[in-house]
Amino acid sequence: MSPTDTSPLKNSLGEAGDHLKQAARDAGDAIKGATGAAGDELRIGKAHVKSDLADSALAGISAAEEASAAAREQADVLMDKGRDLIDSAAELIRERPIASFGAAFAAGWIIAKLARSGDK
């Protein structure tokens, strides 16, 4: 090879350029593939998050319904106890009307006394 003969150098540079172009294309394809895979993973993750949120919402609604049913049941129990107490008091008044009147009168007198002593 003579000092002025540059064709092997040009060939080598051309071949190196071709390899660089191919490497750039391969890198671009790899990036596109990674981006596509990342997008797919993001969509899958987003679907999982939506599913988990929906499950949480359903569990919350279910818990609220159960709490409401329990509260209703407790209210019914308290109402029944109140009715029983009223019935018991009515029965006691029917059985002992004079004693009931005396107890009511005494309670009223005590309350009136306490109210008047607070005015002084």
N, C-alpha and C. Protein backbone atom coordinates (compact mmCIF):
# COMPACT_ATOMS: atom_id res chain seq x y z
N MET A 1 0.83 -1.15 0.00
CA MET A 1 0.00 0.00 0.00
C MET A 1 0.89 1.24 0.00
N SER A 2 0.57 2.14 -0.88
CA SER A 2 1.37 3.35 -0.99
C SER A 2 0.80 4.42 -0.09
N PRO A 3 1.65 5.40 0.24
CA PRO A 3 1.19 6.45 1.14
C PRO A 3 0.02 7.23 0.58
N THR A 4 -0.14 7.27 -0.70
CA THR A 4 -1.24 8.04 -1.29
C THR A 4 -2.46 7.18 -1.55
N ASP A 5 -2.34 5.90 -1.40
CA ASP A 5 -3.48 5.01 -1.63
C ASP A 5 -4.33 4.98 -0.36
N THR A 6 -5.51 5.60 -0.43
CA THR A 6 -6.38 5.72 0.75
C THR A 6 -7.62 4.85 0.61
N SER A 7 -7.71 4.09 -0.42
CA SER A 7 -8.92 3.29 -0.62
C SER A 7 -9.14 2.25 0.48
N PRO A 8 -8.10 1.56 0.99
CA PRO A 8 -8.38 0.64 2.11
C PRO A 8 -8.87 1.39 3.34
N LEU A 9 -8.33 2.58 3.58
CA LEU A 9 -8.77 3.37 4.72
C LEU A 9 -10.22 3.80 4.53
N LYS A 10 -10.57 4.23 3.33
CA LYS A 10 -11.94 4.62 3.02
C LYS A 10 -12.88 3.42 3.19
N ASN A 11 -12.43 2.28 2.73
CA ASN A 11 -13.25 1.07 2.86
C ASN A 11 -13.47 0.74 4.34
N SER A 12 -12.40 0.84 5.10
CA SER A 12 -12.52 0.54 6.53
C SER A 12 -13.42 1.55 7.23
N LEU A 13 -13.25 2.82 6.87
CA LEU A 13 -14.12 3.84 7.46
C LEU A 13 -15.58 3.64 7.03
N GLY A 14 -15.78 3.30 5.79
CA GLY A 14 -17.15 3.05 5.29
C GLY A 14 -17.77 1.87 6.02
N GLU A 15 -16.96 0.83 6.21
CA GLU A 15 -17.45 -0.36 6.93
C GLU A 15 -17.76 -0.01 8.39
N ALA A 16 -16.90 0.79 9.01
CA ALA A 16 -17.13 1.23 10.39
C ALA A 16 -18.40 2.07 10.47
N GLY A 17 -18.60 2.92 9.49
CA GLY A 17 -19.82 3.75 9.45
C GLY A 17 -21.06 2.88 9.32
N ASP A 18 -20.97 1.85 8.46
CA ASP A 18 -22.10 0.95 8.30
C ASP A 18 -22.43 0.23 9.62
N HIS A 19 -21.36 -0.17 10.30
CA HIS A 19 -21.57 -0.84 11.59
C HIS A 19 -22.19 0.12 12.61
N LEU A 20 -21.74 1.37 12.60
CA LEU A 20 -22.31 2.36 13.52
C LEU A 20 -23.79 2.62 13.21
N LYS A 21 -24.10 2.70 11.92
CA LYS A 21 -25.51 2.90 11.53
C LYS A 21 -26.37 1.73 11.99
N GLN A 22 -25.84 0.53 11.80
CA GLN A 22 -26.58 -0.66 12.23
C GLN A 22 -26.74 -0.68 13.75
N ALA A 23 -25.68 -0.30 14.46
CA ALA A 23 -25.75 -0.26 15.93
C ALA A 23 -26.79 0.77 16.38
N ALA A 24 -26.84 1.92 15.71
CA ALA A 24 -27.82 2.94 16.05
C ALA A 24 -29.24 2.43 15.79
N ARG A 25 -29.43 1.73 14.65
CA ARG A 25 -30.75 1.15 14.35
C ARG A 25 -31.14 0.12 15.42
N ASP A 26 -30.17 -0.73 15.78
CA ASP A 26 -30.44 -1.74 16.81
C ASP A 26 -30.76 -1.09 18.16
N ALA A 27 -30.03 -0.02 18.50
CA ALA A 27 -30.30 0.68 19.75
C ALA A 27 -31.71 1.30 19.72
N GLY A 28 -32.07 1.89 18.60
CA GLY A 28 -33.41 2.47 18.44
C GLY A 28 -34.49 1.41 18.58
N ASP A 29 -34.25 0.26 17.94
CA ASP A 29 -35.22 -0.84 18.06
C ASP A 29 -35.34 -1.31 19.50
N ALA A 30 -34.19 -1.38 20.18
CA ALA A 30 -34.20 -1.82 21.58
C ALA A 30 -34.96 -0.82 22.46
N ILE A 31 -34.74 0.48 22.19
CA ILE A 31 -35.45 1.51 22.95
C ILE A 31 -36.95 1.43 22.67
N LYS A 32 -37.31 1.25 21.40
CA LYS A 32 -38.73 1.13 21.06
C LYS A 32 -39.34 -0.09 21.76
N GLY A 33 -38.60 -1.19 21.77
CA GLY A 33 -39.09 -2.39 22.43
C GLY A 33 -39.24 -2.19 23.93
N ALA A 34 -38.25 -1.52 24.53
CA ALA A 34 -38.31 -1.27 25.97
C ALA A 34 -39.46 -0.32 26.29
N THR A 35 -39.65 0.68 25.45
CA THR A 35 -40.74 1.63 25.66
C THR A 35 -42.08 0.92 25.55
N GLY A 36 -42.20 0.06 24.56
CA GLY A 36 -43.44 -0.71 24.41
C GLY A 36 -43.69 -1.61 25.61
N ALA A 37 -42.64 -2.28 26.08
CA ALA A 37 -42.77 -3.16 27.24
C ALA A 37 -43.11 -2.35 28.48
N ALA A 38 -42.47 -1.20 28.63
CA ALA A 38 -42.76 -0.34 29.78
C ALA A 38 -44.20 0.15 29.73
N GLY A 39 -44.66 0.51 28.54
CA GLY A 39 -46.05 0.94 28.37
C GLY A 39 -47.02 -0.18 28.73
N ASP A 40 -46.69 -1.39 28.29
CA ASP A 40 -47.53 -2.54 28.63
C ASP A 40 -47.55 -2.76 30.14
N GLU A 41 -46.39 -2.70 30.77
CA GLU A 41 -46.32 -2.88 32.22
C GLU A 41 -47.10 -1.78 32.94
N LEU A 42 -47.01 -0.55 32.42
CA LEU A 42 -47.74 0.56 33.02
C LEU A 42 -49.24 0.32 32.91
N ARG A 43 -49.70 -0.14 31.76
CA ARG A 43 -51.13 -0.42 31.59
C ARG A 43 -51.58 -1.54 32.52
N ILE A 44 -50.75 -2.57 32.64
CA ILE A 44 -51.08 -3.68 33.53
C ILE A 44 -51.13 -3.19 34.98
N GLY A 45 -50.11 -2.39 35.37
CA GLY A 45 -50.08 -1.85 36.72
C GLY A 45 -51.28 -0.97 37.00
N LYS A 46 -51.65 -0.16 36.02
CA LYS A 46 -52.81 0.72 36.16
C LYS A 46 -54.08 -0.10 36.34
N ALA A 47 -54.20 -1.18 35.58
CA ALA A 47 -55.36 -2.06 35.71
C ALA A 47 -55.41 -2.69 37.10
N HIS A 48 -54.24 -3.09 37.62
CA HIS A 48 -54.19 -3.68 38.96
C HIS A 48 -54.59 -2.66 40.02
N VAL A 49 -54.11 -1.43 39.87
CA VAL A 49 -54.45 -0.38 40.84
C VAL A 49 -55.96 -0.13 40.81
N LYS A 50 -56.54 -0.04 39.61
CA LYS A 50 -57.99 0.17 39.51
C LYS A 50 -58.74 -0.99 40.15
N SER A 51 -58.28 -2.19 39.91
CA SER A 51 -58.92 -3.37 40.49
C SER A 51 -58.84 -3.34 42.01
N ASP A 52 -57.65 -3.01 42.54
CA ASP A 52 -57.48 -2.95 43.99
C ASP A 52 -58.36 -1.86 44.60
N LEU A 53 -58.45 -0.71 43.93
CA LEU A 53 -59.30 0.37 44.44
C LEU A 53 -60.78 -0.04 44.42
N ALA A 54 -61.18 -0.72 43.36
CA ALA A 54 -62.57 -1.18 43.29
C ALA A 54 -62.85 -2.20 44.40
N ASP A 55 -61.91 -3.11 44.63
CA ASP A 55 -62.08 -4.08 45.71
C ASP A 55 -62.17 -3.38 47.06
N SER A 56 -61.34 -2.36 47.27
CA SER A 56 -61.38 -1.61 48.53
C SER A 56 -62.71 -0.90 48.70
N ALA A 57 -63.21 -0.32 47.63
CA ALA A 57 -64.50 0.38 47.70
C ALA A 57 -65.62 -0.61 48.04
N LEU A 58 -65.60 -1.77 47.41
CA LEU A 58 -66.63 -2.77 47.69
C LEU A 58 -66.55 -3.26 49.13
N ALA A 59 -65.33 -3.45 49.62
CA ALA A 59 -65.16 -3.88 51.01
C ALA A 59 -65.66 -2.80 51.97
N GLY A 60 -65.40 -1.54 51.65
CA GLY A 60 -65.88 -0.43 52.48
C GLY A 60 -67.39 -0.35 52.50
N ILE A 61 -68.01 -0.53 51.35
CA ILE A 61 -69.47 -0.51 51.26
C ILE A 61 -70.05 -1.66 52.06
N SER A 62 -69.45 -2.82 51.93
CA SER A 62 -69.92 -3.99 52.68
C SER A 62 -69.81 -3.76 54.18
N ALA A 63 -68.68 -3.19 54.62
CA ALA A 63 -68.50 -2.91 56.05
C ALA A 63 -69.53 -1.90 56.54
N ALA A 64 -69.81 -0.88 55.73
CA ALA A 64 -70.79 0.13 56.11
C ALA A 64 -72.19 -0.49 56.22
N GLU A 65 -72.52 -1.40 55.29
CA GLU A 65 -73.82 -2.06 55.35
C GLU A 65 -73.93 -2.92 56.61
N GLU A 66 -72.85 -3.63 56.94
CA GLU A 66 -72.87 -4.46 58.14
C GLU A 66 -72.98 -3.60 59.40
N ALA A 67 -72.28 -2.48 59.43
CA ALA A 67 -72.37 -1.58 60.58
C ALA A 67 -73.78 -1.01 60.71
N SER A 68 -74.38 -0.68 59.59
CA SER A 68 -75.74 -0.14 59.60
C SER A 68 -76.72 -1.19 60.12
N ALA A 69 -76.56 -2.42 59.68
CA ALA A 69 -77.44 -3.50 60.14
C ALA A 69 -77.26 -3.72 61.64
N ALA A 70 -76.01 -3.69 62.11
CA ALA A 70 -75.75 -3.88 63.54
C ALA A 70 -76.35 -2.73 64.35
N ALA A 71 -76.24 -1.50 63.85
CA ALA A 71 -76.80 -0.34 64.55
C ALA A 71 -78.32 -0.45 64.61
N ARG A 72 -78.93 -0.87 63.50
CA ARG A 72 -80.38 -1.06 63.48
C ARG A 72 -80.81 -2.11 64.49
N GLU A 73 -80.05 -3.18 64.55
CA GLU A 73 -80.36 -4.26 65.49
C GLU A 73 -80.26 -3.76 66.93
N GLN A 74 -79.21 -2.98 67.23
CA GLN A 74 -79.05 -2.42 68.58
C GLN A 74 -80.18 -1.45 68.91
N ALA A 75 -80.58 -0.64 67.94
CA ALA A 75 -81.69 0.29 68.17
C ALA A 75 -82.98 -0.47 68.46
N ASP A 76 -83.20 -1.56 67.73
CA ASP A 76 -84.39 -2.38 67.98
C ASP A 76 -84.37 -2.96 69.39
N VAL A 77 -83.19 -3.43 69.82
CA VAL A 77 -83.06 -3.99 71.17
C VAL A 77 -83.36 -2.92 72.21
N LEU A 78 -82.81 -1.71 72.03
CA LEU A 78 -83.07 -0.62 72.97
C LEU A 78 -84.54 -0.23 72.99
N MET A 79 -85.17 -0.20 71.83
CA MET A 79 -86.60 0.13 71.77
C MET A 79 -87.41 -0.93 72.51
N ASP A 80 -87.05 -2.19 72.34
CA ASP A 80 -87.76 -3.27 73.05
C ASP A 80 -87.59 -3.12 74.56
N LYS A 81 -86.38 -2.79 75.00
CA LYS A 81 -86.14 -2.61 76.43
C LYS A 81 -86.95 -1.42 76.95
N GLY A 82 -87.03 -0.35 76.19
CA GLY A 82 -87.82 0.82 76.58
C GLY A 82 -89.29 0.46 76.70
N ARG A 83 -89.81 -0.29 75.73
CA ARG A 83 -91.21 -0.72 75.78
C ARG A 83 -91.46 -1.61 77.00
N ASP A 84 -90.51 -2.51 77.27
CA ASP A 84 -90.65 -3.38 78.44
C ASP A 84 -90.67 -2.56 79.73
N LEU A 85 -89.83 -1.55 79.81
CA LEU A 85 -89.79 -0.70 81.00
C LEU A 85 -91.10 0.06 81.18
N ILE A 86 -91.62 0.59 80.09
CA ILE A 86 -92.90 1.32 80.15
C ILE A 86 -94.02 0.36 80.55
N ASP A 87 -94.03 -0.83 79.95
CA ASP A 87 -95.05 -1.82 80.30
C ASP A 87 -94.95 -2.20 81.77
N SER A 88 -93.71 -2.36 82.25
CA SER A 88 -93.50 -2.72 83.65
C SER A 88 -94.00 -1.61 84.58
N ALA A 89 -93.69 -0.36 84.23
CA ALA A 89 -94.15 0.77 85.03
C ALA A 89 -95.67 0.85 85.02
N ALA A 90 -96.28 0.64 83.86
CA ALA A 90 -97.75 0.69 83.76
C ALA A 90 -98.37 -0.42 84.60
N GLU A 91 -97.77 -1.60 84.56
CA GLU A 91 -98.27 -2.72 85.37
C GLU A 91 -98.17 -2.40 86.85
N LEU A 92 -97.03 -1.80 87.28
CA LEU A 92 -96.85 -1.44 88.68
C LEU A 92 -97.88 -0.40 89.11
N ILE A 93 -98.18 0.56 88.26
CA ILE A 93 -99.17 1.60 88.57
C ILE A 93 -100.56 0.96 88.69
N ARG A 94 -100.89 0.01 87.82
CA ARG A 94 -102.19 -0.66 87.89
C ARG A 94 -102.32 -1.48 89.18
N GLU A 95 -101.20 -2.13 89.56
CA GLU A 95 -101.25 -2.98 90.75
C GLU A 95 -101.29 -2.15 92.04
N ARG A 96 -100.57 -1.03 92.09
CA ARG A 96 -100.46 -0.22 93.31
C ARG A 96 -100.63 1.26 92.97
N PRO A 97 -101.82 1.67 92.67
CA PRO A 97 -102.03 3.06 92.26
C PRO A 97 -101.74 4.07 93.37
N ILE A 98 -102.07 3.77 94.61
CA ILE A 98 -101.85 4.73 95.70
C ILE A 98 -100.35 4.88 95.96
N ALA A 99 -99.63 3.76 95.99
CA ALA A 99 -98.19 3.83 96.21
C ALA A 99 -97.51 4.58 95.06
N SER A 100 -97.98 4.36 93.84
CA SER A 100 -97.41 5.04 92.67
C SER A 100 -97.65 6.54 92.76
N PHE A 101 -98.89 6.92 93.15
CA PHE A 101 -99.20 8.34 93.31
C PHE A 101 -98.32 8.95 94.39
N GLY A 102 -98.15 8.26 95.51
CA GLY A 102 -97.31 8.75 96.61
C GLY A 102 -95.87 8.93 96.17
N ALA A 103 -95.34 7.97 95.40
CA ALA A 103 -93.95 8.07 94.92
C ALA A 103 -93.79 9.24 93.96
N ALA A 104 -94.78 9.42 93.07
CA ALA A 104 -94.72 10.54 92.13
C ALA A 104 -94.81 11.86 92.86
N PHE A 105 -95.71 11.94 93.85
CA PHE A 105 -95.86 13.16 94.64
C PHE A 105 -94.55 13.48 95.38
N ALA A 106 -93.95 12.48 96.01
CA ALA A 106 -92.70 12.68 96.75
C ALA A 106 -91.58 13.14 95.82
N ALA A 107 -91.49 12.53 94.63
CA ALA A 107 -90.45 12.91 93.67
C ALA A 107 -90.65 14.35 93.22
N GLY A 108 -91.92 14.73 92.97
CA GLY A 108 -92.21 16.11 92.57
C GLY A 108 -91.87 17.09 93.67
N TRP A 109 -92.19 16.75 94.93
CA TRP A 109 -91.91 17.63 96.07
C TRP A 109 -90.40 17.83 96.23
N ILE A 110 -89.62 16.73 96.08
CA ILE A 110 -88.16 16.82 96.22
C ILE A 110 -87.57 17.69 95.10
N ILE A 111 -88.06 17.50 93.92
CA ILE A 111 -87.55 18.30 92.78
C ILE A 111 -87.88 19.78 92.99
N ALA A 112 -89.11 20.07 93.47
CA ALA A 112 -89.50 21.46 93.72
C ALA A 112 -88.63 22.07 94.82
N LYS A 113 -88.35 21.32 95.87
CA LYS A 113 -87.50 21.80 96.97
C LYS A 113 -86.10 22.11 96.45
N LEU A 114 -85.55 21.22 95.65
CA LEU A 114 -84.21 21.43 95.10
C LEU A 114 -84.17 22.66 94.18
N ALA A 115 -85.23 22.84 93.40
CA ALA A 115 -85.29 23.99 92.50
C ALA A 115 -85.38 25.30 93.27
N ARG A 116 -86.15 25.33 94.35
CA ARG A 116 -86.27 26.54 95.16
C ARG A 116 -84.98 26.85 95.92
N SER A 117 -84.28 25.83 96.37
CA SER A 117 -83.04 26.07 97.12
C SER A 117 -81.95 26.61 96.19
N GLY A 118 -82.05 26.34 94.92
CA GLY A 118 -81.09 26.87 93.95
C GLY A 118 -81.32 28.33 93.65
N ASP A 119 -82.55 28.85 93.90
CA ASP A 119 -82.88 30.25 93.64
C ASP A 119 -82.28 31.18 94.68
N LYS A 120 -82.00 30.69 95.86
CA LYS A 120 -81.52 31.53 96.97
C LYS A 120 -80.08 31.85 96.86
